Protein backbone atom coordinates (compact mmCIF):
# COMPACT_ATOMS: atom_id res chain seq x y z
CA UNK A 1 0.00 0.00 0.00
CA UNK A 2 2.90 2.38 0.77
CA UNK A 3 4.37 1.79 -2.68
CA UNK A 4 1.02 2.49 -4.31
CA UNK A 5 0.65 5.69 -2.28
CA UNK A 6 4.04 6.90 -3.43
CA UNK A 7 3.23 6.03 -7.03
CA UNK A 8 0.08 8.09 -6.73
CA UNK A 9 2.23 11.02 -5.69
CA UNK A 10 4.18 10.46 -8.91
CA UNK A 11 1.01 10.93 -10.93
CA UNK A 12 1.34 10.37 -14.65
CA UNK A 13 0.89 13.27 -17.07
CA UNK A 14 -2.53 13.71 -18.64
CA UNK A 15 -1.08 15.09 -21.86
CA UNK A 16 -0.33 12.65 -24.65
CA UNK A 17 2.96 14.47 -25.31
CA UNK A 18 4.82 12.41 -22.72
CA UNK A 19 4.65 8.62 -22.43
CA UNK A 20 4.83 7.88 -18.71
CA UNK A 21 5.15 4.56 -16.84
CA UNK A 22 6.49 3.24 -13.51
CA UNK A 23 10.12 2.17 -13.54
CA UNK A 24 12.05 0.05 -11.06
CA UNK A 25 13.71 1.70 -8.10
CA UNK A 26 17.36 0.78 -7.28
CA UNK A 27 17.81 -1.74 -4.50
CA UNK A 28 20.27 0.56 -2.77
CA UNK A 29 17.43 3.01 -2.10
CA UNK A 30 15.37 0.47 -0.13
CA UNK A 31 15.14 1.19 3.60
CA UNK A 32 17.21 -0.92 6.00
CA UNK A 33 15.23 -3.97 7.16
CA UNK A 34 13.82 -3.80 10.67
CA UNK A 35 15.38 -6.19 13.21
CA UNK A 36 13.24 -9.26 13.70
CA UNK A 37 13.78 -9.37 17.48
CA UNK A 38 14.58 -13.10 17.30
CA UNK A 39 17.83 -14.20 18.99
CA UNK A 40 20.68 -15.28 16.77
CA UNK A 41 21.63 -18.95 16.42
CA UNK A 42 24.50 -18.48 18.88
CA UNK A 43 22.22 -16.82 21.40
CA UNK A 44 19.64 -19.61 21.05
CA UNK A 45 22.30 -22.25 21.70
CA UNK A 46 23.56 -20.35 24.72
CA UNK A 47 20.03 -20.26 26.10
CA UNK A 48 19.77 -24.04 25.87
CA UNK A 49 22.99 -24.62 27.84
CA UNK A 50 22.88 -25.24 31.61
CA UNK A 51 22.91 -22.01 33.54
CA UNK A 52 26.11 -21.34 35.49
CA UNK A 53 26.38 -19.71 38.90
CA UNK A 54 27.83 -16.60 37.26
CA UNK A 55 24.82 -16.35 34.98
CA UNK A 56 22.46 -16.60 37.96
CA UNK A 57 24.37 -13.81 39.64
CA UNK A 58 24.10 -11.46 36.66
CA UNK A 59 22.53 -8.10 37.43
CA UNK A 60 18.90 -7.68 36.44
CA UNK A 61 19.79 -5.08 33.80
CA UNK A 62 22.17 -7.47 32.02
CA UNK A 63 19.66 -10.33 32.12
CA UNK A 64 16.89 -8.11 30.73
CA UNK A 65 19.19 -6.93 27.93
CA UNK A 66 20.11 -10.49 27.01
CA UNK A 67 16.45 -11.55 26.93
CA UNK A 68 15.55 -8.68 24.63
CA UNK A 69 18.41 -9.47 22.24
CA UNK A 70 19.96 -6.02 22.86
CA UNK A 71 23.61 -5.54 23.89
CA UNK A 72 24.37 -4.46 27.45
CA UNK A 73 24.56 -0.66 27.79
CA UNK A 74 25.84 1.19 30.82
CA UNK A 75 23.08 2.99 32.71
CA UNK A 76 24.63 6.40 32.06
CA UNK A 77 24.75 5.86 28.27
CA UNK A 78 21.52 6.29 26.36
CA UNK A 79 21.28 3.97 23.31
CA UNK A 80 20.54 5.64 20.00
CA UNK A 81 16.90 5.13 18.90
CA UNK A 82 16.39 3.31 15.59
CA UNK A 83 16.16 5.54 12.54
CA UNK A 84 12.60 6.07 11.28
CA UNK A 85 11.68 4.15 8.15
CA UNK A 86 10.83 6.49 5.32
CA UNK A 87 7.91 6.03 2.97
CA UNK A 88 8.29 3.65 0.05
CA UNK A 89 10.71 4.69 -2.67
CA UNK A 90 9.28 4.92 -6.18
CA UNK A 91 10.32 5.95 -9.69
CA UNK A 92 8.46 7.18 -12.74
CA UNK A 93 9.87 7.23 -16.27
CA UNK A 94 8.81 8.43 -19.70
CA UNK A 95 9.86 9.79 -23.07
CA UNK A 96 9.15 12.91 -25.11
CA UNK A 97 9.67 12.84 -28.87
CA UNK A 98 10.53 15.62 -31.29
CA UNK A 99 6.99 15.53 -32.69
CA UNK A 100 5.69 16.99 -29.42
CA UNK A 101 7.59 20.26 -29.93
CA UNK A 102 5.11 22.21 -32.03
CA UNK A 103 4.96 25.63 -30.33
CA UNK A 104 5.24 28.71 -32.54
CA UNK A 105 7.52 30.23 -29.91
CA UNK A 106 11.10 29.35 -28.98
CA UNK A 107 10.01 27.63 -25.74
CA UNK A 108 7.51 24.95 -24.73
CA UNK A 109 6.56 23.08 -21.57
CA UNK A 110 5.71 19.38 -21.84
CA UNK A 111 3.96 18.00 -18.71
CA UNK A 112 5.45 14.79 -17.30
CA UNK A 113 3.96 14.51 -13.77
CA UNK A 114 0.80 16.26 -12.59
CA UNK A 115 -0.39 16.93 -9.07
CA UNK A 116 2.98 16.17 -7.43
CA UNK A 117 2.64 16.76 -3.66
CA UNK A 118 4.81 19.36 -1.97
CA UNK A 119 5.81 16.66 0.54
CA UNK A 120 7.53 14.68 -2.24
CA UNK A 121 11.31 14.47 -1.81
CA UNK A 122 13.49 13.94 -4.88
CA UNK A 123 16.15 11.25 -4.75
CA UNK A 124 17.26 12.12 -8.27
CA UNK A 125 16.13 13.30 -11.70
CA UNK A 126 17.75 11.95 -14.86
CA UNK A 127 17.20 13.45 -18.33
CA UNK A 128 18.84 11.78 -21.34
CA UNK A 129 18.90 12.43 -25.07
CA UNK A 130 18.31 8.88 -26.29
CA UNK A 131 17.93 9.91 -29.95
CA UNK A 132 19.73 12.98 -31.27
CA UNK A 133 17.51 15.97 -32.06
CA UNK A 134 17.97 17.35 -35.54
CA UNK A 135 16.31 20.12 -37.53
CA UNK A 136 16.71 21.97 -40.79
CA UNK A 137 15.13 25.14 -39.40
CA UNK A 138 15.45 25.35 -35.60
CA UNK A 139 18.76 26.31 -34.05
CA UNK A 140 20.15 25.32 -30.66
CA UNK A 141 17.94 23.37 -28.23
CA UNK A 142 18.14 22.87 -24.45
CA UNK A 143 15.87 21.10 -21.96
CA UNK A 144 15.40 21.50 -18.20
CA UNK A 145 12.91 20.34 -15.56
CA UNK A 146 10.70 22.54 -13.45
CA UNK A 147 7.26 23.49 -12.25
CA UNK A 148 4.74 24.60 -14.83
CA UNK A 149 5.14 28.34 -15.35
CA UNK A 150 8.37 28.59 -13.33
CA UNK A 151 10.98 27.68 -15.94
CA UNK A 152 13.68 25.11 -15.12
CA UNK A 153 13.60 25.57 -11.34
CA UNK A 154 14.16 21.87 -10.51
CA UNK A 155 16.88 20.72 -12.94
CA UNK A 156 19.15 23.11 -14.83
CA UNK A 157 18.88 23.15 -18.64
CA UNK A 158 21.41 21.20 -20.68
CA UNK A 159 22.10 21.17 -24.42
CA UNK A 160 20.54 18.65 -26.80
CA UNK A 161 21.48 17.92 -30.44
CA UNK A 162 24.65 16.23 -29.19
CA UNK A 163 26.71 13.80 -31.27
CA UNK A 164 27.24 11.79 -28.08
CA UNK A 165 23.54 10.79 -27.88
CA UNK A 166 22.34 8.39 -26.47
CA UNK A 167 25.07 9.08 -23.90
CA UNK A 168 24.17 12.77 -23.59
CA UNK A 169 22.48 13.16 -20.18
CA UNK A 170 22.05 15.28 -17.07
CA UNK A 171 21.70 13.83 -13.55
CA UNK A 172 20.77 15.96 -10.55
CA UNK A 173 19.59 15.58 -6.93
CA UNK A 174 17.29 18.59 -6.67
CA UNK A 175 15.83 20.19 -3.58
CA UNK A 176 12.02 20.41 -3.42
CA UNK A 177 10.79 23.58 -5.16
CA UNK A 178 7.98 23.86 -2.58
CA UNK A 179 6.91 22.06 0.60
CA UNK A 180 3.13 22.47 0.61
CA UNK A 181 0.32 22.17 -1.90
CA UNK A 182 0.87 20.44 -5.24
CA UNK A 183 2.42 21.27 -8.58
CA UNK A 184 2.88 19.96 -12.12
CA UNK A 185 6.36 18.90 -13.22
CA UNK A 186 7.31 19.67 -16.84
CA UNK A 187 10.17 19.37 -19.29
CA UNK A 188 11.06 22.90 -20.35
CA UNK A 189 12.38 23.03 -23.93
CA UNK A 190 13.96 26.20 -25.28
CA UNK A 191 15.44 26.81 -28.74
CA UNK A 192 17.06 29.73 -30.55
CA UNK A 193 14.11 29.83 -33.00
CA UNK A 194 10.47 28.62 -33.07
CA UNK A 195 10.04 24.96 -32.18
CA UNK A 196 7.23 24.42 -34.68
CA UNK A 197 4.42 26.04 -36.65
CA UNK A 198 1.66 25.33 -34.14
CA UNK A 199 0.75 21.98 -35.69
CA UNK A 200 4.00 20.32 -36.76
CA UNK A 201 7.46 20.31 -35.25
CA UNK A 202 10.51 21.91 -36.83
CA UNK A 203 12.53 18.93 -35.55
CA UNK A 204 12.53 15.82 -37.71
CA UNK A 205 14.06 13.52 -35.07
CA UNK A 206 14.95 13.35 -31.42
CA UNK A 207 13.82 11.76 -28.15
CA UNK A 208 14.34 12.69 -24.51
CA UNK A 209 13.92 10.07 -21.77
CA UNK A 210 13.25 11.24 -18.23
CA UNK A 211 13.35 9.51 -14.84
CA UNK A 212 12.07 10.93 -11.54
CA UNK A 213 12.71 9.00 -8.32
CA UNK A 214 11.95 9.81 -4.70
CA UNK A 215 9.67 9.24 -1.76
CA UNK A 216 6.97 10.94 0.28
CA UNK A 217 8.52 12.87 3.15
CA UNK A 218 6.80 14.32 6.21
CA UNK A 219 4.37 17.16 5.48
CA UNK A 220 5.48 20.67 6.33
CA UNK A 221 4.33 21.78 9.81
CA UNK A 222 1.24 23.96 9.87
CA UNK A 223 1.74 27.29 11.64
C-alpha atoms as a PDB file:
ATOM      1  CA  UNK A   1       0.000   0.000   0.000  1.00  0.00           C
ATOM      2  CA  UNK A   2       2.901   2.384   0.773  1.00  0.00           C
ATOM      3  CA  UNK A   3       4.369   1.792  -2.681  1.00  0.00           C
ATOM      4  CA  UNK A   4       1.017   2.488  -4.305  1.00  0.00           C
ATOM      5  CA  UNK A   5       0.650   5.691  -2.278  1.00  0.00           C
ATOM      6  CA  UNK A   6       4.038   6.896  -3.432  1.00  0.00           C
ATOM      7  CA  UNK A   7       3.233   6.034  -7.025  1.00  0.00           C
ATOM      8  CA  UNK A   8       0.076   8.090  -6.729  1.00  0.00           C
ATOM      9  CA  UNK A   9       2.227  11.023  -5.693  1.00  0.00           C
ATOM     10  CA  UNK A  10       4.178  10.461  -8.905  1.00  0.00           C
ATOM     11  CA  UNK A  11       1.006  10.933 -10.932  1.00  0.00           C
ATOM     12  CA  UNK A  12       1.343  10.372 -14.653  1.00  0.00           C
ATOM     13  CA  UNK A  13       0.888  13.267 -17.066  1.00  0.00           C
ATOM     14  CA  UNK A  14      -2.531  13.706 -18.640  1.00  0.00           C
ATOM     15  CA  UNK A  15      -1.079  15.088 -21.857  1.00  0.00           C
ATOM     16  CA  UNK A  16      -0.333  12.649 -24.653  1.00  0.00           C
ATOM     17  CA  UNK A  17       2.960  14.468 -25.307  1.00  0.00           C
ATOM     18  CA  UNK A  18       4.816  12.407 -22.716  1.00  0.00           C
ATOM     19  CA  UNK A  19       4.652   8.622 -22.433  1.00  0.00           C
ATOM     20  CA  UNK A  20       4.832   7.883 -18.707  1.00  0.00           C
ATOM     21  CA  UNK A  21       5.150   4.563 -16.838  1.00  0.00           C
ATOM     22  CA  UNK A  22       6.488   3.237 -13.514  1.00  0.00           C
ATOM     23  CA  UNK A  23      10.117   2.169 -13.536  1.00  0.00           C
ATOM     24  CA  UNK A  24      12.048   0.046 -11.056  1.00  0.00           C
ATOM     25  CA  UNK A  25      13.715   1.701  -8.097  1.00  0.00           C
ATOM     26  CA  UNK A  26      17.357   0.784  -7.282  1.00  0.00           C
ATOM     27  CA  UNK A  27      17.808  -1.735  -4.503  1.00  0.00           C
ATOM     28  CA  UNK A  28      20.273   0.565  -2.772  1.00  0.00           C
ATOM     29  CA  UNK A  29      17.433   3.005  -2.096  1.00  0.00           C
ATOM     30  CA  UNK A  30      15.370   0.472  -0.130  1.00  0.00           C
ATOM     31  CA  UNK A  31      15.143   1.189   3.603  1.00  0.00           C
ATOM     32  CA  UNK A  32      17.207  -0.915   5.997  1.00  0.00           C
ATOM     33  CA  UNK A  33      15.233  -3.974   7.158  1.00  0.00           C
ATOM     34  CA  UNK A  34      13.820  -3.801  10.669  1.00  0.00           C
ATOM     35  CA  UNK A  35      15.378  -6.185  13.212  1.00  0.00           C
ATOM     36  CA  UNK A  36      13.238  -9.259  13.705  1.00  0.00           C
ATOM     37  CA  UNK A  37      13.776  -9.373  17.476  1.00  0.00           C
ATOM     38  CA  UNK A  38      14.581 -13.098  17.302  1.00  0.00           C
ATOM     39  CA  UNK A  39      17.834 -14.200  18.991  1.00  0.00           C
ATOM     40  CA  UNK A  40      20.680 -15.280  16.768  1.00  0.00           C
ATOM     41  CA  UNK A  41      21.632 -18.952  16.425  1.00  0.00           C
ATOM     42  CA  UNK A  42      24.505 -18.481  18.877  1.00  0.00           C
ATOM     43  CA  UNK A  43      22.216 -16.817  21.401  1.00  0.00           C
ATOM     44  CA  UNK A  44      19.643 -19.613  21.052  1.00  0.00           C
ATOM     45  CA  UNK A  45      22.299 -22.251  21.703  1.00  0.00           C
ATOM     46  CA  UNK A  46      23.560 -20.352  24.717  1.00  0.00           C
ATOM     47  CA  UNK A  47      20.029 -20.256  26.102  1.00  0.00           C
ATOM     48  CA  UNK A  48      19.769 -24.038  25.867  1.00  0.00           C
ATOM     49  CA  UNK A  49      22.992 -24.620  27.839  1.00  0.00           C
ATOM     50  CA  UNK A  50      22.877 -25.243  31.611  1.00  0.00           C
ATOM     51  CA  UNK A  51      22.915 -22.011  33.541  1.00  0.00           C
ATOM     52  CA  UNK A  52      26.112 -21.335  35.489  1.00  0.00           C
ATOM     53  CA  UNK A  53      26.384 -19.710  38.903  1.00  0.00           C
ATOM     54  CA  UNK A  54      27.833 -16.597  37.257  1.00  0.00           C
ATOM     55  CA  UNK A  55      24.824 -16.346  34.983  1.00  0.00           C
ATOM     56  CA  UNK A  56      22.459 -16.603  37.956  1.00  0.00           C
ATOM     57  CA  UNK A  57      24.366 -13.809  39.639  1.00  0.00           C
ATOM     58  CA  UNK A  58      24.095 -11.465  36.657  1.00  0.00           C
ATOM     59  CA  UNK A  59      22.534  -8.095  37.429  1.00  0.00           C
ATOM     60  CA  UNK A  60      18.897  -7.679  36.444  1.00  0.00           C
ATOM     61  CA  UNK A  61      19.791  -5.080  33.798  1.00  0.00           C
ATOM     62  CA  UNK A  62      22.172  -7.466  32.018  1.00  0.00           C
ATOM     63  CA  UNK A  63      19.660 -10.331  32.119  1.00  0.00           C
ATOM     64  CA  UNK A  64      16.892  -8.111  30.735  1.00  0.00           C
ATOM     65  CA  UNK A  65      19.190  -6.931  27.935  1.00  0.00           C
ATOM     66  CA  UNK A  66      20.110 -10.495  27.013  1.00  0.00           C
ATOM     67  CA  UNK A  67      16.452 -11.551  26.927  1.00  0.00           C
ATOM     68  CA  UNK A  68      15.546  -8.681  24.627  1.00  0.00           C
ATOM     69  CA  UNK A  69      18.412  -9.472  22.235  1.00  0.00           C
ATOM     70  CA  UNK A  70      19.958  -6.016  22.864  1.00  0.00           C
ATOM     71  CA  UNK A  71      23.612  -5.535  23.891  1.00  0.00           C
ATOM     72  CA  UNK A  72      24.366  -4.464  27.447  1.00  0.00           C
ATOM     73  CA  UNK A  73      24.555  -0.663  27.786  1.00  0.00           C
ATOM     74  CA  UNK A  74      25.837   1.194  30.822  1.00  0.00           C
ATOM     75  CA  UNK A  75      23.077   2.993  32.707  1.00  0.00           C
ATOM     76  CA  UNK A  76      24.632   6.404  32.060  1.00  0.00           C
ATOM     77  CA  UNK A  77      24.746   5.859  28.272  1.00  0.00           C
ATOM     78  CA  UNK A  78      21.524   6.286  26.364  1.00  0.00           C
ATOM     79  CA  UNK A  79      21.282   3.965  23.309  1.00  0.00           C
ATOM     80  CA  UNK A  80      20.537   5.643  19.995  1.00  0.00           C
ATOM     81  CA  UNK A  81      16.903   5.129  18.900  1.00  0.00           C
ATOM     82  CA  UNK A  82      16.388   3.314  15.591  1.00  0.00           C
ATOM     83  CA  UNK A  83      16.158   5.540  12.541  1.00  0.00           C
ATOM     84  CA  UNK A  84      12.597   6.069  11.277  1.00  0.00           C
ATOM     85  CA  UNK A  85      11.679   4.149   8.149  1.00  0.00           C
ATOM     86  CA  UNK A  86      10.826   6.490   5.319  1.00  0.00           C
ATOM     87  CA  UNK A  87       7.913   6.028   2.968  1.00  0.00           C
ATOM     88  CA  UNK A  88       8.286   3.652   0.047  1.00  0.00           C
ATOM     89  CA  UNK A  89      10.711   4.690  -2.672  1.00  0.00           C
ATOM     90  CA  UNK A  90       9.283   4.918  -6.185  1.00  0.00           C
ATOM     91  CA  UNK A  91      10.318   5.950  -9.689  1.00  0.00           C
ATOM     92  CA  UNK A  92       8.460   7.183 -12.739  1.00  0.00           C
ATOM     93  CA  UNK A  93       9.870   7.226 -16.273  1.00  0.00           C
ATOM     94  CA  UNK A  94       8.813   8.434 -19.700  1.00  0.00           C
ATOM     95  CA  UNK A  95       9.859   9.790 -23.068  1.00  0.00           C
ATOM     96  CA  UNK A  96       9.150  12.912 -25.106  1.00  0.00           C
ATOM     97  CA  UNK A  97       9.673  12.839 -28.867  1.00  0.00           C
ATOM     98  CA  UNK A  98      10.534  15.625 -31.288  1.00  0.00           C
ATOM     99  CA  UNK A  99       6.992  15.534 -32.692  1.00  0.00           C
ATOM    100  CA  UNK A 100       5.693  16.985 -29.417  1.00  0.00           C
ATOM    101  CA  UNK A 101       7.587  20.258 -29.930  1.00  0.00           C
ATOM    102  CA  UNK A 102       5.106  22.210 -32.031  1.00  0.00           C
ATOM    103  CA  UNK A 103       4.958  25.625 -30.329  1.00  0.00           C
ATOM    104  CA  UNK A 104       5.242  28.710 -32.543  1.00  0.00           C
ATOM    105  CA  UNK A 105       7.522  30.230 -29.908  1.00  0.00           C
ATOM    106  CA  UNK A 106      11.098  29.354 -28.981  1.00  0.00           C
ATOM    107  CA  UNK A 107      10.014  27.632 -25.741  1.00  0.00           C
ATOM    108  CA  UNK A 108       7.506  24.951 -24.731  1.00  0.00           C
ATOM    109  CA  UNK A 109       6.561  23.078 -21.565  1.00  0.00           C
ATOM    110  CA  UNK A 110       5.711  19.384 -21.841  1.00  0.00           C
ATOM    111  CA  UNK A 111       3.957  17.998 -18.710  1.00  0.00           C
ATOM    112  CA  UNK A 112       5.450  14.795 -17.303  1.00  0.00           C
ATOM    113  CA  UNK A 113       3.959  14.512 -13.769  1.00  0.00           C
ATOM    114  CA  UNK A 114       0.804  16.258 -12.594  1.00  0.00           C
ATOM    115  CA  UNK A 115      -0.386  16.929  -9.069  1.00  0.00           C
ATOM    116  CA  UNK A 116       2.977  16.170  -7.433  1.00  0.00           C
ATOM    117  CA  UNK A 117       2.641  16.757  -3.663  1.00  0.00           C
ATOM    118  CA  UNK A 118       4.811  19.356  -1.975  1.00  0.00           C
ATOM    119  CA  UNK A 119       5.809  16.659   0.539  1.00  0.00           C
ATOM    120  CA  UNK A 120       7.535  14.675  -2.239  1.00  0.00           C
ATOM    121  CA  UNK A 121      11.313  14.465  -1.811  1.00  0.00           C
ATOM    122  CA  UNK A 122      13.489  13.938  -4.877  1.00  0.00           C
ATOM    123  CA  UNK A 123      16.148  11.253  -4.750  1.00  0.00           C
ATOM    124  CA  UNK A 124      17.260  12.125  -8.271  1.00  0.00           C
ATOM    125  CA  UNK A 125      16.130  13.304 -11.702  1.00  0.00           C
ATOM    126  CA  UNK A 126      17.749  11.953 -14.865  1.00  0.00           C
ATOM    127  CA  UNK A 127      17.197  13.446 -18.329  1.00  0.00           C
ATOM    128  CA  UNK A 128      18.841  11.778 -21.339  1.00  0.00           C
ATOM    129  CA  UNK A 129      18.896  12.432 -25.069  1.00  0.00           C
ATOM    130  CA  UNK A 130      18.314   8.878 -26.293  1.00  0.00           C
ATOM    131  CA  UNK A 131      17.929   9.913 -29.946  1.00  0.00           C
ATOM    132  CA  UNK A 132      19.732  12.975 -31.275  1.00  0.00           C
ATOM    133  CA  UNK A 133      17.509  15.971 -32.056  1.00  0.00           C
ATOM    134  CA  UNK A 134      17.972  17.354 -35.539  1.00  0.00           C
ATOM    135  CA  UNK A 135      16.308  20.117 -37.530  1.00  0.00           C
ATOM    136  CA  UNK A 136      16.711  21.972 -40.794  1.00  0.00           C
ATOM    137  CA  UNK A 137      15.129  25.137 -39.396  1.00  0.00           C
ATOM    138  CA  UNK A 138      15.453  25.346 -35.598  1.00  0.00           C
ATOM    139  CA  UNK A 139      18.764  26.307 -34.049  1.00  0.00           C
ATOM    140  CA  UNK A 140      20.152  25.318 -30.661  1.00  0.00           C
ATOM    141  CA  UNK A 141      17.936  23.365 -28.232  1.00  0.00           C
ATOM    142  CA  UNK A 142      18.141  22.871 -24.448  1.00  0.00           C
ATOM    143  CA  UNK A 143      15.873  21.104 -21.958  1.00  0.00           C
ATOM    144  CA  UNK A 144      15.401  21.503 -18.199  1.00  0.00           C
ATOM    145  CA  UNK A 145      12.912  20.336 -15.562  1.00  0.00           C
ATOM    146  CA  UNK A 146      10.702  22.544 -13.452  1.00  0.00           C
ATOM    147  CA  UNK A 147       7.263  23.494 -12.250  1.00  0.00           C
ATOM    148  CA  UNK A 148       4.742  24.604 -14.829  1.00  0.00           C
ATOM    149  CA  UNK A 149       5.143  28.339 -15.345  1.00  0.00           C
ATOM    150  CA  UNK A 150       8.374  28.586 -13.331  1.00  0.00           C
ATOM    151  CA  UNK A 151      10.980  27.682 -15.936  1.00  0.00           C
ATOM    152  CA  UNK A 152      13.681  25.115 -15.116  1.00  0.00           C
ATOM    153  CA  UNK A 153      13.601  25.572 -11.341  1.00  0.00           C
ATOM    154  CA  UNK A 154      14.164  21.873 -10.506  1.00  0.00           C
ATOM    155  CA  UNK A 155      16.884  20.719 -12.944  1.00  0.00           C
ATOM    156  CA  UNK A 156      19.150  23.114 -14.828  1.00  0.00           C
ATOM    157  CA  UNK A 157      18.878  23.151 -18.638  1.00  0.00           C
ATOM    158  CA  UNK A 158      21.412  21.197 -20.684  1.00  0.00           C
ATOM    159  CA  UNK A 159      22.099  21.168 -24.420  1.00  0.00           C
ATOM    160  CA  UNK A 160      20.543  18.647 -26.801  1.00  0.00           C
ATOM    161  CA  UNK A 161      21.476  17.915 -30.443  1.00  0.00           C
ATOM    162  CA  UNK A 162      24.648  16.233 -29.193  1.00  0.00           C
ATOM    163  CA  UNK A 163      26.707  13.799 -31.265  1.00  0.00           C
ATOM    164  CA  UNK A 164      27.237  11.791 -28.076  1.00  0.00           C
ATOM    165  CA  UNK A 165      23.540  10.789 -27.880  1.00  0.00           C
ATOM    166  CA  UNK A 166      22.338   8.393 -26.472  1.00  0.00           C
ATOM    167  CA  UNK A 167      25.069   9.085 -23.900  1.00  0.00           C
ATOM    168  CA  UNK A 168      24.167  12.767 -23.586  1.00  0.00           C
ATOM    169  CA  UNK A 169      22.475  13.162 -20.184  1.00  0.00           C
ATOM    170  CA  UNK A 170      22.053  15.282 -17.072  1.00  0.00           C
ATOM    171  CA  UNK A 171      21.698  13.829 -13.551  1.00  0.00           C
ATOM    172  CA  UNK A 172      20.768  15.956 -10.555  1.00  0.00           C
ATOM    173  CA  UNK A 173      19.586  15.580  -6.932  1.00  0.00           C
ATOM    174  CA  UNK A 174      17.289  18.594  -6.670  1.00  0.00           C
ATOM    175  CA  UNK A 175      15.834  20.189  -3.576  1.00  0.00           C
ATOM    176  CA  UNK A 176      12.023  20.406  -3.422  1.00  0.00           C
ATOM    177  CA  UNK A 177      10.793  23.578  -5.162  1.00  0.00           C
ATOM    178  CA  UNK A 178       7.982  23.865  -2.575  1.00  0.00           C
ATOM    179  CA  UNK A 179       6.913  22.059   0.604  1.00  0.00           C
ATOM    180  CA  UNK A 180       3.133  22.473   0.615  1.00  0.00           C
ATOM    181  CA  UNK A 181       0.323  22.166  -1.900  1.00  0.00           C
ATOM    182  CA  UNK A 182       0.875  20.439  -5.240  1.00  0.00           C
ATOM    183  CA  UNK A 183       2.424  21.274  -8.583  1.00  0.00           C
ATOM    184  CA  UNK A 184       2.878  19.957 -12.116  1.00  0.00           C
ATOM    185  CA  UNK A 185       6.356  18.900 -13.217  1.00  0.00           C
ATOM    186  CA  UNK A 186       7.313  19.666 -16.839  1.00  0.00           C
ATOM    187  CA  UNK A 187      10.167  19.372 -19.287  1.00  0.00           C
ATOM    188  CA  UNK A 188      11.062  22.895 -20.355  1.00  0.00           C
ATOM    189  CA  UNK A 189      12.378  23.034 -23.932  1.00  0.00           C
ATOM    190  CA  UNK A 190      13.957  26.203 -25.280  1.00  0.00           C
ATOM    191  CA  UNK A 191      15.441  26.806 -28.737  1.00  0.00           C
ATOM    192  CA  UNK A 192      17.058  29.726 -30.550  1.00  0.00           C
ATOM    193  CA  UNK A 193      14.114  29.826 -33.000  1.00  0.00           C
ATOM    194  CA  UNK A 194      10.468  28.620 -33.073  1.00  0.00           C
ATOM    195  CA  UNK A 195      10.041  24.955 -32.179  1.00  0.00           C
ATOM    196  CA  UNK A 196       7.233  24.420 -34.675  1.00  0.00           C
ATOM    197  CA  UNK A 197       4.416  26.041 -36.645  1.00  0.00           C
ATOM    198  CA  UNK A 198       1.661  25.328 -34.137  1.00  0.00           C
ATOM    199  CA  UNK A 199       0.749  21.980 -35.691  1.00  0.00           C
ATOM    200  CA  UNK A 200       3.998  20.324 -36.759  1.00  0.00           C
ATOM    201  CA  UNK A 201       7.462  20.311 -35.254  1.00  0.00           C
ATOM    202  CA  UNK A 202      10.509  21.911 -36.835  1.00  0.00           C
ATOM    203  CA  UNK A 203      12.530  18.935 -35.549  1.00  0.00           C
ATOM    204  CA  UNK A 204      12.530  15.819 -37.710  1.00  0.00           C
ATOM    205  CA  UNK A 205      14.059  13.517 -35.070  1.00  0.00           C
ATOM    206  CA  UNK A 206      14.947  13.354 -31.419  1.00  0.00           C
ATOM    207  CA  UNK A 207      13.823  11.757 -28.147  1.00  0.00           C
ATOM    208  CA  UNK A 208      14.340  12.693 -24.510  1.00  0.00           C
ATOM    209  CA  UNK A 209      13.922  10.067 -21.772  1.00  0.00           C
ATOM    210  CA  UNK A 210      13.251  11.241 -18.226  1.00  0.00           C
ATOM    211  CA  UNK A 211      13.351   9.506 -14.843  1.00  0.00           C
ATOM    212  CA  UNK A 212      12.069  10.933 -11.543  1.00  0.00           C
ATOM    213  CA  UNK A 213      12.713   8.996  -8.316  1.00  0.00           C
ATOM    214  CA  UNK A 214      11.953   9.807  -4.703  1.00  0.00           C
ATOM    215  CA  UNK A 215       9.674   9.237  -1.756  1.00  0.00           C
ATOM    216  CA  UNK A 216       6.967  10.935   0.277  1.00  0.00           C
ATOM    217  CA  UNK A 217       8.516  12.868   3.147  1.00  0.00           C
ATOM    218  CA  UNK A 218       6.800  14.322   6.214  1.00  0.00           C
ATOM    219  CA  UNK A 219       4.366  17.165   5.476  1.00  0.00           C
ATOM    220  CA  UNK A 220       5.479  20.667   6.334  1.00  0.00           C
ATOM    221  CA  UNK A 221       4.326  21.777   9.814  1.00  0.00           C
ATOM    222  CA  UNK A 222       1.236  23.958   9.869  1.00  0.00           C
ATOM    223  CA  UNK A 223       1.737  27.292  11.635  1.00  0.00           C
END
